[in-house]
């Protein structure tokens, strides 16, 4: 999984510019940092690796359904003609 860096100083300065005092801004930044540490982010490559088997199974199922449908159509045409 990937790691996202968090600039707490910039976050605090943005909160202070928005009207919060320094103590409040630092507390909010610390709470956000602590809450975001436990998150596991998924990258595009992670998703591709996890979904590859599902995609291959779906591809195989499409071919199987096409063959079955072709067989049914052939049987129906054979019985009427």
C-alpha atoms as a PDB file:
ATOM      1  CA  UNK A   1       0.000   0.000   0.000  1.00  0.00           C
ATOM      2  CA  UNK A   2       1.114   3.543  -0.525  1.00  0.00           C
ATOM      3  CA  UNK A   3       1.874   6.209   2.052  1.00  0.00           C
ATOM      4  CA  UNK A   4       0.547   9.750   1.788  1.00  0.00           C
ATOM      5  CA  UNK A   5       2.511  12.516   3.460  1.00  0.00           C
ATOM      6  CA  UNK A   6       0.597  15.173   5.341  1.00  0.00           C
ATOM      7  CA  UNK A   7       1.955  18.703   5.782  1.00  0.00           C
ATOM      8  CA  UNK A   8       0.693  19.657   9.248  1.00  0.00           C
ATOM      9  CA  UNK A   9       2.337  23.098   9.213  1.00  0.00           C
ATOM     10  CA  UNK A  10       0.539  24.087   6.020  1.00  0.00           C
ATOM     11  CA  UNK A  11      -2.706  22.678   7.416  1.00  0.00           C
ATOM     12  CA  UNK A  12      -2.299  24.693  10.642  1.00  0.00           C
ATOM     13  CA  UNK A  13      -1.505  27.886   8.708  1.00  0.00           C
ATOM     14  CA  UNK A  14      -4.593  27.365   6.536  1.00  0.00           C
ATOM     15  CA  UNK A  15      -6.787  26.928   9.609  1.00  0.00           C
ATOM     16  CA  UNK A  16      -5.261  30.013  11.229  1.00  0.00           C
ATOM     17  CA  UNK A  17      -5.931  31.990   8.050  1.00  0.00           C
ATOM     18  CA  UNK A  18      -9.524  30.816   8.302  1.00  0.00           C
ATOM     19  CA  UNK A  19      -9.933  32.385  11.733  1.00  0.00           C
ATOM     20  CA  UNK A  20      -8.961  29.703  14.247  1.00  0.00           C
ATOM     21  CA  UNK A  21      -6.376  30.391  16.893  1.00  0.00           C
ATOM     22  CA  UNK A  22      -3.076  28.505  16.924  1.00  0.00           C
ATOM     23  CA  UNK A  23      -4.043  26.043  19.662  1.00  0.00           C
ATOM     24  CA  UNK A  24      -7.274  25.040  17.937  1.00  0.00           C
ATOM     25  CA  UNK A  25      -5.558  24.720  14.567  1.00  0.00           C
ATOM     26  CA  UNK A  26      -2.790  22.524  16.016  1.00  0.00           C
ATOM     27  CA  UNK A  27      -5.341  20.323  17.794  1.00  0.00           C
ATOM     28  CA  UNK A  28      -7.341  19.810  14.622  1.00  0.00           C
ATOM     29  CA  UNK A  29      -4.172  19.055  12.634  1.00  0.00           C
ATOM     30  CA  UNK A  30      -3.035  16.513  15.232  1.00  0.00           C
ATOM     31  CA  UNK A  31      -6.457  14.836  15.283  1.00  0.00           C
ATOM     32  CA  UNK A  32      -6.532  14.632  11.492  1.00  0.00           C
ATOM     33  CA  UNK A  33      -2.981  13.246  11.354  1.00  0.00           C
ATOM     34  CA  UNK A  34      -3.753  10.605  13.982  1.00  0.00           C
ATOM     35  CA  UNK A  35      -6.974   9.580  12.226  1.00  0.00           C
ATOM     36  CA  UNK A  36      -5.345   9.316   8.811  1.00  0.00           C
ATOM     37  CA  UNK A  37      -2.383   7.213  10.007  1.00  0.00           C
ATOM     38  CA  UNK A  38      -4.541   4.085  10.301  1.00  0.00           C
ATOM     39  CA  UNK A  39      -5.888   4.312   6.763  1.00  0.00           C
ATOM     40  CA  UNK A  40      -4.641   1.941   4.099  1.00  0.00           C
ATOM     41  CA  UNK A  41      -4.826   3.480   0.659  1.00  0.00           C
ATOM     42  CA  UNK A  42      -5.309   1.370  -2.423  1.00  0.00           C
ATOM     43  CA  UNK A  43      -3.424   2.217  -5.580  1.00  0.00           C
ATOM     44  CA  UNK A  44      -4.476   1.562  -9.133  1.00  0.00           C
ATOM     45  CA  UNK A  45      -1.926  -1.253  -9.391  1.00  0.00           C
ATOM     46  CA  UNK A  46      -3.322  -2.895  -6.236  1.00  0.00           C
ATOM     47  CA  UNK A  47      -6.797  -2.887  -7.769  1.00  0.00           C
ATOM     48  CA  UNK A  48      -5.546  -4.282 -11.060  1.00  0.00           C
ATOM     49  CA  UNK A  49      -3.793  -7.134  -9.283  1.00  0.00           C
ATOM     50  CA  UNK A  50      -6.851  -8.007  -7.221  1.00  0.00           C
ATOM     51  CA  UNK A  51      -9.326  -7.731 -10.108  1.00  0.00           C
ATOM     52  CA  UNK A  52      -7.258  -9.614 -12.727  1.00  0.00           C
ATOM     53  CA  UNK A  53      -8.617 -13.091 -11.790  1.00  0.00           C
ATOM     54  CA  UNK A  54     -12.178 -11.793 -11.819  1.00  0.00           C
ATOM     55  CA  UNK A  55     -11.697 -10.227 -15.251  1.00  0.00           C
ATOM     56  CA  UNK A  56     -10.309 -13.443 -16.683  1.00  0.00           C
ATOM     57  CA  UNK A  57     -13.213 -15.452 -15.263  1.00  0.00           C
ATOM     58  CA  UNK A  58     -15.729 -13.013 -16.728  1.00  0.00           C
ATOM     59  CA  UNK A  59     -13.994 -13.193 -20.096  1.00  0.00           C
ATOM     60  CA  UNK A  60     -14.208 -16.997 -20.029  1.00  0.00           C
ATOM     61  CA  UNK A  61     -17.873 -16.859 -19.006  1.00  0.00           C
ATOM     62  CA  UNK A  62     -18.659 -14.559 -21.948  1.00  0.00           C
ATOM     63  CA  UNK A  63     -17.139 -17.060 -24.358  1.00  0.00           C
ATOM     64  CA  UNK A  64     -18.988 -19.951 -22.739  1.00  0.00           C
ATOM     65  CA  UNK A  65     -22.306 -18.113 -22.907  1.00  0.00           C
ATOM     66  CA  UNK A  66     -21.669 -17.270 -26.553  1.00  0.00           C
ATOM     67  CA  UNK A  67     -20.983 -20.912 -27.382  1.00  0.00           C
ATOM     68  CA  UNK A  68     -24.055 -22.080 -25.486  1.00  0.00           C
ATOM     69  CA  UNK A  69     -26.228 -19.485 -27.209  1.00  0.00           C
ATOM     70  CA  UNK A  70     -24.791 -20.488 -30.581  1.00  0.00           C
ATOM     71  CA  UNK A  71     -25.571 -24.135 -29.851  1.00  0.00           C
ATOM     72  CA  UNK A  72     -29.144 -23.324 -28.862  1.00  0.00           C
ATOM     73  CA  UNK A  73     -29.659 -21.242 -31.989  1.00  0.00           C
ATOM     74  CA  UNK A  74     -28.234 -24.076 -34.097  1.00  0.00           C
ATOM     75  CA  UNK A  75     -30.605 -26.602 -32.476  1.00  0.00           C
ATOM     76  CA  UNK A  76     -33.626 -24.327 -32.973  1.00  0.00           C
ATOM     77  CA  UNK A  77     -32.740 -23.713 -36.614  1.00  0.00           C
ATOM     78  CA  UNK A  78     -32.150 -27.432 -37.173  1.00  0.00           C
ATOM     79  CA  UNK A  79     -35.538 -28.344 -35.727  1.00  0.00           C
ATOM     80  CA  UNK A  80     -37.433 -25.855 -37.935  1.00  0.00           C
ATOM     81  CA  UNK A  81     -35.510 -26.250 -41.184  1.00  0.00           C
END
